[in-house]
Protein backbone atom coordinates (compact mmCIF):
# COMPACT_ATOMS: atom_id res chain seq x y z
CA GLN A 1 -0.35 0.13 -0.28
CA VAL A 2 1.46 3.65 -0.64
CA GLN A 3 -0.07 6.37 1.09
CA LEU A 4 -0.25 10.35 -0.56
CA VAL A 5 0.19 13.23 1.99
CA GLU A 6 -0.98 16.27 0.35
CA SER A 7 0.47 20.06 1.56
CA GLY A 8 0.99 23.28 0.32
CA GLY A 9 -2.08 24.10 -0.40
CA GLY A 10 -3.97 27.77 0.48
CA LEU A 11 -5.40 31.40 -0.30
CA VAL A 12 -3.41 33.00 -2.65
CA GLN A 13 -3.81 36.54 -4.63
CA ALA A 14 -4.42 36.30 -8.54
CA GLY A 15 -0.63 36.08 -10.11
CA GLY A 16 0.93 35.33 -7.26
CA SER A 17 2.51 31.46 -6.19
CA LEU A 18 2.18 27.91 -4.20
CA ARG A 19 4.30 25.55 -3.75
CA LEU A 20 2.27 22.45 -3.05
CA SER A 21 4.80 18.95 -2.22
CA CYS A 22 2.82 15.10 -1.80
CA ALA A 23 5.00 12.78 -0.03
CA ALA A 24 5.09 9.59 -0.94
CA SER A 25 4.71 6.32 2.17
CA GLY A 26 4.35 2.90 2.29
CA ARG A 27 6.47 -0.01 3.06
CA THR A 28 7.84 -0.88 -0.59
CA PHE A 29 7.48 2.19 -2.67
CA SER A 30 8.16 3.06 -5.82
CA ALA A 31 6.35 4.34 -8.99
CA TYR A 32 6.34 4.91 -12.44
CA ALA A 33 4.85 8.18 -12.17
CA MET A 34 3.35 10.94 -10.04
CA GLY A 35 1.89 12.90 -11.03
CA TRP A 36 -1.14 15.71 -10.10
CA PHE A 37 -4.93 16.28 -10.81
CA ARG A 38 -7.52 18.99 -9.80
CA GLN A 39 -11.29 19.14 -9.30
CA ALA A 40 -13.03 22.13 -9.63
CA PRO A 41 -16.13 23.18 -7.97
CA GLY A 42 -18.49 21.45 -10.62
CA LYS A 43 -16.03 20.11 -12.60
CA GLU A 44 -14.59 16.66 -13.69
CA ARG A 45 -11.10 15.96 -12.12
CA GLU A 46 -8.78 16.64 -14.50
CA PHE A 47 -5.18 16.30 -14.85
CA VAL A 48 -2.23 18.63 -14.40
CA ALA A 49 1.13 17.63 -14.43
CA THR A 50 3.12 14.64 -14.39
CA ILE A 51 6.72 12.97 -13.60
CA THR A 52 8.41 10.12 -14.60
CA TRP A 53 9.98 8.68 -11.24
CA SER A 54 13.07 7.36 -12.94
CA CYS A 55 14.46 9.94 -15.73
CA GLY A 56 12.66 12.93 -14.86
CA SER A 57 10.04 13.23 -18.16
CA THR A 58 7.65 16.02 -17.65
CA TYR A 59 4.07 16.75 -18.40
CA TYR A 60 1.53 19.21 -18.17
CA ALA A 61 -1.59 20.12 -19.28
CA GLY A 62 -1.78 23.43 -21.99
CA SER A 63 -3.48 25.02 -19.40
CA VAL A 64 -0.44 25.31 -17.02
CA LYS A 65 1.87 24.93 -18.93
CA GLY A 66 4.34 27.67 -18.88
CA ARG A 67 3.56 28.28 -14.92
CA PHE A 68 3.63 24.99 -13.41
CA ALA A 69 6.65 23.32 -13.15
CA ILE A 70 6.70 19.78 -11.12
CA THR A 71 9.66 18.62 -9.57
CA ARG A 72 10.09 15.28 -7.26
CA ASP A 73 13.04 14.39 -4.48
CA ASN A 74 13.78 10.63 -4.76
CA ALA A 75 15.54 10.13 -1.97
CA LYS A 76 12.28 11.60 -0.31
CA ASN A 77 9.39 10.45 -2.00
CA THR A 78 8.37 13.15 -2.92
CA VAL A 79 6.81 14.85 -5.63
CA TYR A 80 6.47 18.97 -5.90
CA LEU A 81 4.30 21.34 -7.82
CA HIS A 82 4.97 24.35 -7.71
CA MET A 83 2.52 27.37 -9.62
CA ASN A 84 2.92 30.64 -10.68
CA SER A 85 1.27 33.61 -11.55
CA LEU A 86 -1.69 31.80 -10.66
CA LYS A 87 -5.24 33.39 -11.98
CA LEU A 88 -8.87 32.23 -10.85
CA GLU A 89 -9.91 28.99 -12.87
CA SER A 90 -6.77 27.46 -10.95
CA THR A 91 -8.71 27.85 -7.74
CA ALA A 92 -9.80 23.35 -6.75
CA VAL A 93 -8.46 20.47 -4.89
CA TYR A 94 -5.49 19.42 -5.94
CA TYR A 95 -4.79 15.47 -6.13
CA CYS A 96 -1.75 13.45 -5.72
CA ALA A 97 -1.96 10.46 -7.35
CA VAL A 98 0.78 8.08 -8.04
CA GLN A 99 1.03 5.01 -11.67
CA SER A 100 2.93 2.49 -9.77
CA ARG A 101 4.05 0.78 -13.69
CA ALA A 102 4.22 1.72 -16.71
CA SER A 103 0.76 0.82 -18.51
CA SER A 104 -1.00 1.15 -21.66
CA LEU A 105 -3.16 4.29 -20.38
CA ALA A 106 -2.29 7.97 -20.99
CA TYR A 107 -0.23 10.04 -18.36
CA TYR A 108 -3.29 12.18 -18.54
CA SER A 109 -6.59 9.86 -17.94
CA SER A 110 -7.02 9.52 -13.99
CA THR A 111 -7.56 5.89 -14.90
CA ALA A 112 -3.73 4.99 -15.10
CA TYR A 113 -3.14 5.83 -11.66
CA ASN A 114 -4.03 4.08 -8.48
CA TYR A 115 -3.19 5.62 -5.30
CA TRP A 116 -4.68 9.34 -4.09
CA GLY A 117 -4.65 11.62 -2.28
CA GLN A 118 -6.40 13.75 0.48
CA GLY A 119 -6.45 17.00 -1.74
CA THR A 120 -5.27 19.92 -0.61
CA GLN A 121 -7.65 23.32 -1.82
CA VAL A 122 -6.35 25.78 -3.60
CA THR A 123 -7.89 29.44 -3.43
CA VAL A 124 -7.31 31.99 -5.85
CA SER A 125 -8.83 34.99 -4.97
CA SER A 126 -8.75 38.43 -7.21
């Protein structure tokens, strides 16, 4: 089993920055990739970014490319989401997720991920 704990959410003004963290734990933690998704009120959960655990390849949703950056610390089993130039529409609950093994499922599909954190709220105000 893998446990994921997100932190770093909060209230920020539009144009500001936040850094989310997701720490993974488990007796034999391993991952193919770790990603971030978000869900705004009344909307479906959507892909934000993902990073492969071994070589650090990154992939982003078009809506955040150039403003958000995903990084990892393998030694700490932690992934980060650095969010800059936040917009009002960035308001959502952000979820961390683990893809344990490579699969034919697209990296932006939530079904590719088999462990999820509890989420952390990010609220962007005007």
